[in-house]
């Protein structure tokens, strides 16, 4: 990146304004999105060992959803709140990378 193609951006710190150049690493970074509470994602890479729920089932908070094996440890993934299983995107034996969408939830009509 040459000096002529770089663009200065403004930012303020305690009411003082500055100009800076953004690095290539910053420009190409993965943009953070707030995670949806209705999506259960893998927090580490691993293999699905067991699935304890079915699509359409209403599951209460704390009940087991599935077991994810990672680094020879069995990680029990539990329901964070009471909801209905909308879609299961994995099956037993699947090897998953980190942040894979495993289960989609939907609110329960009470």
Protein backbone atom coordinates (compact mmCIF):
# COMPACT_ATOMS: atom_id res chain seq x y z
CA UNK A 1 0.00 0.00 0.00
CA UNK A 2 1.58 3.26 -1.04
CA UNK A 3 1.22 6.56 0.78
CA UNK A 4 -0.93 7.99 -2.05
CA UNK A 5 -3.62 5.27 -1.76
CA UNK A 6 -3.97 5.36 2.01
CA UNK A 7 -6.80 7.31 3.50
CA UNK A 8 -6.67 9.00 6.89
CA UNK A 9 -9.58 8.43 9.26
CA UNK A 10 -10.65 10.60 12.19
CA UNK A 11 -11.03 9.39 15.76
CA UNK A 12 -11.43 11.18 19.07
CA UNK A 13 -9.99 10.45 22.51
CA UNK A 14 -11.18 12.55 25.44
CA UNK A 15 -12.33 15.40 23.20
CA UNK A 16 -9.06 15.53 21.21
CA UNK A 17 -9.25 14.70 17.52
CA UNK A 18 -6.58 12.71 15.73
CA UNK A 19 -5.99 11.34 12.23
CA UNK A 20 -4.48 7.94 11.61
CA UNK A 21 -3.93 5.37 8.88
CA UNK A 22 -5.65 2.02 9.20
CA UNK A 23 -3.41 -1.04 8.93
CA UNK A 24 -4.08 -3.76 6.38
CA UNK A 25 -4.67 -6.20 9.26
CA UNK A 26 -7.35 -3.92 10.72
CA UNK A 27 -9.07 -3.40 7.37
CA UNK A 28 -9.16 -7.17 6.67
CA UNK A 29 -10.28 -8.18 10.18
CA UNK A 30 -13.30 -10.40 10.76
CA UNK A 31 -16.17 -8.11 11.71
CA UNK A 32 -17.73 -8.96 15.08
CA UNK A 33 -21.46 -9.66 15.09
CA UNK A 34 -23.45 -10.03 18.28
CA UNK A 35 -24.28 -13.74 18.62
CA UNK A 36 -27.93 -14.73 18.46
CA UNK A 37 -29.27 -16.46 21.57
CA UNK A 38 -31.29 -18.67 19.19
CA UNK A 39 -28.18 -20.24 17.61
CA UNK A 40 -26.09 -22.89 19.38
CA UNK A 41 -22.56 -22.85 17.91
CA UNK A 42 -19.53 -24.98 18.61
CA UNK A 43 -17.15 -23.09 20.88
CA UNK A 44 -14.22 -25.39 20.02
CA UNK A 45 -13.49 -27.78 17.13
CA UNK A 46 -14.64 -31.33 17.80
CA UNK A 47 -16.75 -34.35 16.86
CA UNK A 48 -20.45 -34.87 17.58
CA UNK A 49 -20.77 -37.98 19.78
CA UNK A 50 -24.45 -37.84 20.74
CA UNK A 51 -27.56 -35.77 19.96
CA UNK A 52 -30.21 -35.85 22.69
CA UNK A 53 -32.98 -33.78 21.04
CA UNK A 54 -35.14 -33.80 17.91
CA UNK A 55 -36.47 -31.03 15.69
CA UNK A 56 -39.77 -29.64 16.97
CA UNK A 57 -39.05 -30.69 20.56
CA UNK A 58 -39.47 -28.15 23.38
CA UNK A 59 -36.42 -28.29 25.65
CA UNK A 60 -36.18 -26.72 29.09
CA UNK A 61 -33.22 -24.73 30.40
CA UNK A 62 -30.33 -26.93 31.53
CA UNK A 63 -31.39 -30.07 29.63
CA UNK A 64 -28.71 -31.73 27.44
CA UNK A 65 -28.70 -30.97 23.71
CA UNK A 66 -25.65 -32.89 22.49
CA UNK A 67 -22.17 -34.09 23.36
CA UNK A 68 -19.17 -32.64 21.53
CA UNK A 69 -15.85 -34.48 21.89
CA UNK A 70 -12.79 -32.25 21.73
CA UNK A 71 -9.22 -33.08 22.76
CA UNK A 72 -10.37 -36.42 24.29
CA UNK A 73 -12.89 -34.62 26.51
CA UNK A 74 -16.66 -34.94 26.28
CA UNK A 75 -18.33 -31.51 26.37
CA UNK A 76 -22.01 -31.61 27.28
CA UNK A 77 -23.85 -28.78 25.52
CA UNK A 78 -26.92 -27.76 27.52
CA UNK A 79 -29.97 -25.68 26.69
CA UNK A 80 -29.37 -22.04 27.75
CA UNK A 81 -33.12 -21.29 28.16
CA UNK A 82 -36.46 -22.93 27.40
CA UNK A 83 -37.10 -22.96 23.65
CA UNK A 84 -38.17 -25.15 20.72
CA UNK A 85 -35.65 -26.93 18.48
CA UNK A 86 -36.14 -25.39 15.04
CA UNK A 87 -33.38 -27.19 13.13
CA UNK A 88 -30.47 -29.53 13.87
CA UNK A 89 -27.61 -28.86 11.45
CA UNK A 90 -25.28 -31.68 12.56
CA UNK A 91 -25.38 -35.47 12.89
CA UNK A 92 -23.47 -37.98 14.99
CA UNK A 93 -19.91 -38.38 13.71
CA UNK A 94 -19.66 -34.91 12.15
CA UNK A 95 -16.28 -33.21 12.69
CA UNK A 96 -16.86 -29.50 13.25
CA UNK A 97 -14.61 -26.45 13.17
CA UNK A 98 -15.01 -23.74 15.80
CA UNK A 99 -18.14 -21.53 15.50
CA UNK A 100 -20.19 -24.03 13.46
CA UNK A 101 -23.95 -23.52 13.77
CA UNK A 102 -25.12 -26.78 15.35
CA UNK A 103 -28.71 -26.12 16.48
CA UNK A 104 -31.20 -23.39 15.65
CA UNK A 105 -33.85 -22.51 18.26
CA UNK A 106 -37.13 -20.63 18.20
CA UNK A 107 -39.18 -19.09 21.00
CA UNK A 108 -41.88 -21.12 22.70
CA UNK A 109 -45.42 -19.76 22.57
CA UNK A 110 -46.71 -19.83 26.14
